[in-house]
C-alpha atoms as a PDB file:
ATOM      1  CA  MET A   1    -281.760 106.680  56.142  1.00  0.00           C
ATOM      2  CA  ASN A   2    -281.244 110.369  55.443  1.00  0.00           C
ATOM      3  CA  LYS A   3    -279.077 112.746  57.414  1.00  0.00           C
ATOM      4  CA  GLU A   4    -281.913 114.207  59.495  1.00  0.00           C
ATOM      5  CA  ASP A   5    -283.110 110.713  60.506  1.00  0.00           C
ATOM      6  CA  LEU A   6    -279.585 109.865  61.611  1.00  0.00           C
ATOM      7  CA  PHE A   7    -279.324 113.037  63.712  1.00  0.00           C
ATOM      8  CA  ASN A   8    -282.723 112.368  65.322  1.00  0.00           C
ATOM      9  CA  LYS A   9    -281.665 108.818  66.185  1.00  0.00           C
ATOM     10  CA  LEU A  10    -278.465 110.115  67.780  1.00  0.00           C
ATOM     11  CA  ARG A  11    -280.393 112.717  69.784  1.00  0.00           C
ATOM     12  CA  ARG A  12    -282.878 110.100  71.084  1.00  0.00           C
ATOM     13  CA  ASN A  13    -280.072 107.809  72.220  1.00  0.00           C
ATOM     14  CA  THR A  14    -277.950 110.449  73.880  1.00  0.00           C
ATOM     15  CA  LYS A  15    -278.114 109.728  77.597  1.00  0.00           C
ATOM     16  CA  GLU A  16    -275.850 112.402  78.983  1.00  0.00           C
ATOM     17  CA  GLN A  17    -274.603 115.674  77.508  1.00  0.00           C
ATOM     18  CA  PHE A  18    -271.489 117.566  78.455  1.00  0.00           C
ATOM     19  CA  ASP A  19    -270.857 121.242  77.876  1.00  0.00           C
ATOM     20  CA  MET A  20    -267.758 122.232  75.965  1.00  0.00           C
ATOM     21  CA  LEU A  21    -264.947 123.285  78.233  1.00  0.00           C
ATOM     22  CA  GLU A  22    -264.178 126.960  78.298  1.00  0.00           C
ATOM     23  CA  LYS A  23    -260.559 127.020  77.277  1.00  0.00           C
ATOM     24  CA  SER A  24    -258.840 130.035  75.906  1.00  0.00           C
ATOM     25  CA  ILE A  25    -256.347 129.225  73.185  1.00  0.00           C
ATOM     26  CA  GLU A  26    -253.648 131.802  72.719  1.00  0.00           C
ATOM     27  CA  GLY A  27    -251.853 130.465  69.667  1.00  0.00           C
ATOM     28  CA  ILE A  28    -248.236 130.982  68.779  1.00  0.00           C
ATOM     29  CA  LYS A  29    -246.754 134.493  68.980  1.00  0.00           C
ATOM     30  CA  TYR A  30    -243.689 135.798  67.157  1.00  0.00           C
ATOM     31  CA  GLN A  31    -241.244 138.487  68.122  1.00  0.00           C
ATOM     32  CA  ASP A  32    -241.295 139.844  64.551  1.00  0.00           C
ATOM     33  CA  VAL A  33    -244.517 138.852  62.739  1.00  0.00           C
ATOM     34  CA  VAL A  34    -243.458 140.451  59.457  1.00  0.00           C
ATOM     35  CA  GLN A  35    -240.150 138.561  59.316  1.00  0.00           C
ATOM     36  CA  GLN A  36    -241.880 135.294  60.276  1.00  0.00           C
ATOM     37  CA  PHE A  37    -244.510 135.846  57.581  1.00  0.00           C
ATOM     38  CA  ILE A  38    -241.782 136.464  54.985  1.00  0.00           C
ATOM     39  CA  GLU A  39    -239.915 133.293  56.013  1.00  0.00           C
ATOM     40  CA  MET A  40    -243.061 131.149  55.901  1.00  0.00           C
ATOM     41  CA  SER A  41    -244.088 132.671  52.567  1.00  0.00           C
ATOM     42  CA  HIS A  42    -240.767 131.597  51.077  1.00  0.00           C
ATOM     43  CA  ILE A  43    -241.215 128.094  52.495  1.00  0.00           C
ATOM     44  CA  VAL A  44    -244.625 127.731  50.790  1.00  0.00           C
ATOM     45  CA  GLY A  45    -243.174 128.971  47.488  1.00  0.00           C
ATOM     46  CA  CYS A  46    -244.006 132.681  47.375  1.00  0.00           C
ATOM     47  CA  GLU A  47    -241.822 135.537  46.306  1.00  0.00           C
ATOM     48  CA  VAL A  48    -242.082 138.482  48.709  1.00  0.00           C
ATOM     49  CA  ILE A  49    -241.518 142.147  47.964  1.00  0.00           C
ATOM     50  CA  GLU A  50    -241.462 144.664  50.798  1.00  0.00           C
ATOM     51  CA  ALA A  51    -242.670 147.883  49.184  1.00  0.00           C
ATOM     52  CA  GLN A  52    -241.412 151.206  50.412  1.00  0.00           C
ATOM     53  CA  ALA A  53    -243.754 154.206  50.741  1.00  0.00           C
ATOM     54  CA  GLU A  54    -242.283 155.807  47.615  1.00  0.00           C
ATOM     55  CA  ASP A  55    -242.535 152.652  45.460  1.00  0.00           C
ATOM     56  CA  ASP A  56    -244.866 152.525  42.474  1.00  0.00           C
ATOM     57  CA  ILE A  57    -246.730 149.214  42.897  1.00  0.00           C
ATOM     58  CA  ASN A  58    -247.376 148.967  39.152  1.00  0.00           C
ATOM     59  CA  LYS A  59    -243.626 149.171  38.474  1.00  0.00           C
ATOM     60  CA  LEU A  60    -242.905 146.521  41.105  1.00  0.00           C
ATOM     61  CA  ILE A  61    -245.407 144.180  39.424  1.00  0.00           C
ATOM     62  CA  GLN A  62    -243.968 144.927  35.978  1.00  0.00           C
ATOM     63  CA  LYS A  63    -240.448 144.218  37.259  1.00  0.00           C
ATOM     64  CA  ALA A  64    -241.562 140.943  38.866  1.00  0.00           C
ATOM     65  CA  TYR A  65    -243.391 139.803  35.690  1.00  0.00           C
ATOM     66  CA  PRO A  66    -241.721 141.573  32.737  1.00  0.00           C
ATOM     67  CA  ALA A  67    -243.069 139.120  30.118  1.00  0.00           C
ATOM     68  CA  ALA A  68    -246.700 139.393  31.278  1.00  0.00           C
ATOM     69  CA  LYS A  69    -249.038 140.514  28.526  1.00  0.00           C
ATOM     70  CA  VAL A  70    -252.454 140.317  30.254  1.00  0.00           C
ATOM     71  CA  LEU A  71    -252.982 141.646  33.774  1.00  0.00           C
ATOM     72  CA  ALA A  72    -256.319 141.451  35.567  1.00  0.00           C
ATOM     73  CA  SER A  73    -257.332 143.394  38.663  1.00  0.00           C
ATOM     74  CA  ASN A  74    -260.012 145.530  40.209  1.00  0.00           C
ATOM     75  CA  VAL A  75    -257.680 146.973  42.864  1.00  0.00           C
ATOM     76  CA  ARG A  76    -257.765 150.761  42.835  1.00  0.00           C
ATOM     77  CA  GLY A  77    -254.577 152.238  41.373  1.00  0.00           C
ATOM     78  CA  ILE A  78    -253.479 149.052  39.606  1.00  0.00           C
ATOM     79  CA  LYS A  79    -253.088 149.238  35.827  1.00  0.00           C
ATOM     80  CA  ALA A  80    -254.698 146.146  34.318  1.00  0.00           C
ATOM     81  CA  ASP A  81    -255.973 144.966  30.935  1.00  0.00           C
ATOM     82  CA  LEU A  82    -258.979 143.149  32.417  1.00  0.00           C
ATOM     83  CA  ASN A  83    -261.215 143.969  35.352  1.00  0.00           C
ATOM     84  CA  PRO A  84    -262.981 141.015  37.036  1.00  0.00           C
ATOM     85  CA  ASP A  85    -265.870 143.372  37.833  1.00  0.00           C
ATOM     86  CA  THR A  86    -266.545 144.310  34.223  1.00  0.00           C
ATOM     87  CA  VAL A  87    -265.923 141.145  32.184  1.00  0.00           C
ATOM     88  CA  SER A  88    -269.038 139.514  30.726  1.00  0.00           C
ATOM     89  CA  ARG A  89    -268.213 136.000  31.947  1.00  0.00           C
ATOM     90  CA  ALA A  90    -265.620 134.321  34.140  1.00  0.00           C
ATOM     91  CA  GLN A  91    -264.163 132.601  31.037  1.00  0.00           C
ATOM     92  CA  ASP A  92    -263.098 136.036  29.738  1.00  0.00           C
ATOM     93  CA  LEU A  93    -260.315 135.948  32.355  1.00  0.00           C
ATOM     94  CA  ASN A  94    -258.797 132.800  30.817  1.00  0.00           C
ATOM     95  CA  GLY A  95    -255.325 133.653  29.552  1.00  0.00           C
ATOM     96  CA  THR A  96    -254.563 136.084  32.366  1.00  0.00           C
ATOM     97  CA  ASP A  97    -250.817 136.151  32.944  1.00  0.00           C
ATOM     98  CA  VAL A  98    -250.976 138.029  36.261  1.00  0.00           C
ATOM     99  CA  GLY A  99    -253.958 138.534  38.550  1.00  0.00           C
ATOM    100  CA  ILE A 100    -253.506 141.252  41.157  1.00  0.00           C
ATOM    101  CA  ILE A 101    -255.726 140.970  44.223  1.00  0.00           C
ATOM    102  CA  GLN A 102    -256.022 142.567  47.645  1.00  0.00           C
ATOM    103  CA  GLY A 103    -255.342 140.322  50.632  1.00  0.00           C
ATOM    104  CA  GLU A 104    -256.963 141.282  53.902  1.00  0.00           C
ATOM    105  CA  ILE A 105    -255.081 139.346  56.591  1.00  0.00           C
ATOM    106  CA  ALA A 106    -251.661 137.665  56.382  1.00  0.00           C
ATOM    107  CA  VAL A 107    -250.720 134.925  58.863  1.00  0.00           C
ATOM    108  CA  ALA A 108    -247.112 134.607  60.082  1.00  0.00           C
ATOM    109  CA  GLU A 109    -247.681 131.079  61.416  1.00  0.00           C
ATOM    110  CA  ASN A 110    -248.168 129.502  57.980  1.00  0.00           C
ATOM    111  CA  GLY A 111    -247.658 132.155  55.292  1.00  0.00           C
ATOM    112  CA  CYS A 112    -251.282 132.188  54.178  1.00  0.00           C
ATOM    113  CA  ILE A 113    -253.370 135.225  53.295  1.00  0.00           C
ATOM    114  CA  TRP A 114    -257.125 135.696  53.705  1.00  0.00           C
ATOM    115  CA  VAL A 115    -258.529 136.926  50.419  1.00  0.00           C
ATOM    116  CA  PRO A 116    -262.192 137.957  50.608  1.00  0.00           C
ATOM    117  CA  GLN A 117    -264.124 138.088  47.365  1.00  0.00           C
ATOM    118  CA  THR A 118    -264.142 141.754  46.445  1.00  0.00           C
ATOM    119  CA  MET A 119    -264.718 141.240  42.738  1.00  0.00           C
ATOM    120  CA  LYS A 120    -267.618 139.939  40.668  1.00  0.00           C
ATOM    121  CA  GLU A 121    -265.544 137.116  39.109  1.00  0.00           C
ATOM    122  CA  ARG A 122    -263.441 135.475  41.823  1.00  0.00           C
ATOM    123  CA  VAL A 123    -261.997 133.094  39.235  1.00  0.00           C
ATOM    124  CA  VAL A 124    -259.183 135.657  38.777  1.00  0.00           C
ATOM    125  CA  CYS A 125    -257.713 134.247  42.016  1.00  0.00           C
ATOM    126  CA  PHE A 126    -257.419 130.774  40.498  1.00  0.00           C
ATOM    127  CA  ILE A 127    -257.234 131.047  36.703  1.00  0.00           C
ATOM    128  CA  SER A 128    -254.314 133.494  36.534  1.00  0.00           C
ATOM    129  CA  GLU A 129    -250.954 131.957  35.646  1.00  0.00           C
ATOM    130  CA  ASN A 130    -249.394 134.102  38.370  1.00  0.00           C
ATOM    131  CA  LEU A 131    -250.952 135.858  41.303  1.00  0.00           C
ATOM    132  CA  VAL A 132    -249.864 139.038  43.065  1.00  0.00           C
ATOM    133  CA  ILE A 133    -251.399 139.514  46.495  1.00  0.00           C
ATOM    134  CA  LEU A 134    -251.168 142.964  48.058  1.00  0.00           C
ATOM    135  CA  VAL A 135    -251.280 143.037  51.846  1.00  0.00           C
ATOM    136  CA  GLN A 136    -250.835 145.822  54.376  1.00  0.00           C
ATOM    137  CA  ARG A 137    -247.965 145.370  56.844  1.00  0.00           C
ATOM    138  CA  ASN A 138    -250.253 146.177  59.786  1.00  0.00           C
ATOM    139  CA  ASN A 139    -252.603 143.340  58.726  1.00  0.00           C
ATOM    140  CA  ILE A 140    -250.031 140.612  59.406  1.00  0.00           C
ATOM    141  CA  VAL A 141    -251.053 138.569  62.447  1.00  0.00           C
ATOM    142  CA  ASN A 142    -249.288 135.865  64.432  1.00  0.00           C
ATOM    143  CA  ASN A 143    -251.599 132.900  63.996  1.00  0.00           C
ATOM    144  CA  MET A 144    -254.859 131.546  62.605  1.00  0.00           C
ATOM    145  CA  HIS A 145    -256.710 132.284  65.876  1.00  0.00           C
ATOM    146  CA  GLU A 146    -255.996 135.983  65.415  1.00  0.00           C
ATOM    147  CA  ALA A 147    -256.836 135.812  61.711  1.00  0.00           C
ATOM    148  CA  TYR A 148    -260.260 134.233  62.250  1.00  0.00           C
ATOM    149  CA  LYS A 149    -261.145 136.924  64.793  1.00  0.00           C
ATOM    150  CA  LYS A 150    -260.429 139.627  62.178  1.00  0.00           C
ATOM    151  CA  ILE A 151    -262.282 138.115  59.217  1.00  0.00           C
ATOM    152  CA  ASN A 152    -265.193 140.154  57.901  1.00  0.00           C
ATOM    153  CA  MET A 153    -267.179 138.585  55.080  1.00  0.00           C
ATOM    154  CA  THR A 154    -268.039 140.774  52.108  1.00  0.00           C
ATOM    155  CA  ASP A 155    -271.460 140.963  50.496  1.00  0.00           C
ATOM    156  CA  TYR A 156    -270.339 138.200  48.123  1.00  0.00           C
ATOM    157  CA  GLY A 157    -270.160 135.820  51.108  1.00  0.00           C
ATOM    158  CA  TYR A 158    -266.959 134.135  49.924  1.00  0.00           C
ATOM    159  CA  GLY A 159    -263.302 134.240  50.810  1.00  0.00           C
ATOM    160  CA  CYS A 160    -260.385 131.843  51.038  1.00  0.00           C
ATOM    161  CA  PHE A 161    -256.906 131.512  52.462  1.00  0.00           C
ATOM    162  CA  ILE A 162    -254.220 131.364  49.782  1.00  0.00           C
ATOM    163  CA  SER A 163    -250.780 130.034  50.636  1.00  0.00           C
ATOM    164  CA  GLY A 164    -248.266 129.893  47.822  1.00  0.00           C
ATOM    165  CA  PRO A 165    -248.654 128.599  44.293  1.00  0.00           C
ATOM    166  CA  SER A 166    -250.862 125.630  43.523  1.00  0.00           C
ATOM    167  CA  LYS A 167    -248.979 122.350  43.613  1.00  0.00           C
ATOM    168  CA  THR A 168    -249.624 118.631  43.736  1.00  0.00           C
ATOM    169  CA  ALA A 169    -247.477 115.518  43.711  1.00  0.00           C
ATOM    170  CA  ASP A 170    -250.187 112.885  43.543  1.00  0.00           C
ATOM    171  CA  ILE A 171    -249.640 112.120  39.839  1.00  0.00           C
ATOM    172  CA  GLU A 172    -246.825 109.572  39.672  1.00  0.00           C
ATOM    173  CA  GLN A 173    -245.267 111.317  42.692  1.00  0.00           C
ATOM    174  CA  ALA A 174    -244.017 114.154  40.460  1.00  0.00           C
ATOM    175  CA  LEU A 175    -244.401 117.717  41.725  1.00  0.00           C
ATOM    176  CA  VAL A 176    -246.631 119.727  39.388  1.00  0.00           C
ATOM    177  CA  MET A 177    -246.897 123.487  39.853  1.00  0.00           C
ATOM    178  CA  GLY A 178    -250.097 125.287  38.898  1.00  0.00           C
ATOM    179  CA  ALA A 179    -252.221 122.151  38.944  1.00  0.00           C
ATOM    180  CA  GLN A 180    -255.364 123.842  40.295  1.00  0.00           C
ATOM    181  CA  ALA A 181    -254.470 127.526  40.404  1.00  0.00           C
ATOM    182  CA  ALA A 182    -251.564 129.962  39.961  1.00  0.00           C
ATOM    183  CA  ARG A 183    -248.115 128.644  39.093  1.00  0.00           C
ATOM    184  CA  GLY A 184    -246.459 131.487  40.956  1.00  0.00           C
ATOM    185  CA  VAL A 185    -247.450 133.829  43.782  1.00  0.00           C
ATOM    186  CA  THR A 186    -245.812 137.109  44.720  1.00  0.00           C
ATOM    187  CA  VAL A 187    -246.813 138.882  47.923  1.00  0.00           C
ATOM    188  CA  ILE A 188    -246.252 142.620  48.084  1.00  0.00           C
ATOM    189  CA  ILE A 189    -246.181 143.925  51.646  1.00  0.00           C
ATOM    190  CA  MET A 190    -247.257 147.556  51.689  1.00  0.00           C
ATOM    191  CA  GLY A 191    -247.245 150.264  54.330  1.00  0.00           C
END
């Protein structure tokens, strides 16, 4: 039996239908969303830098990752060795020490950031040894309900929430950092 046959069988045998209840869900609210976001970001393993208006973002990144040799980014104003919009293939980004990407919405509730695909090769978000996510202070929201209301998909039709460095403990119960993506994540709050 295929999926469509199963759905048709369920529809035929449904005797009574009930409408979904109209219930407004507010979600948690914080007195200081920026401070809550910073605290949750630390809990999920991120470093957080609060940039001042006069700060040079490139210098902040260089200070955070002084040993980095290969930086990749398509963010305007960021000095990078590779651009995910101009590489020939996704594999060309292999060996990236630091990927710098623009986050759109940061969530205080859980420290995650919505990152829409704004580059041709989104692999930069996952293949980089370390990830720097830039986010505007005024784009920090209280909870996921607020975040989902603000999401706008790009023409690429892809985006994801990123929350801290990649980690797993399912191999012999040992914590492994960078198992599926970046080993380290730094969030720079701007504005």
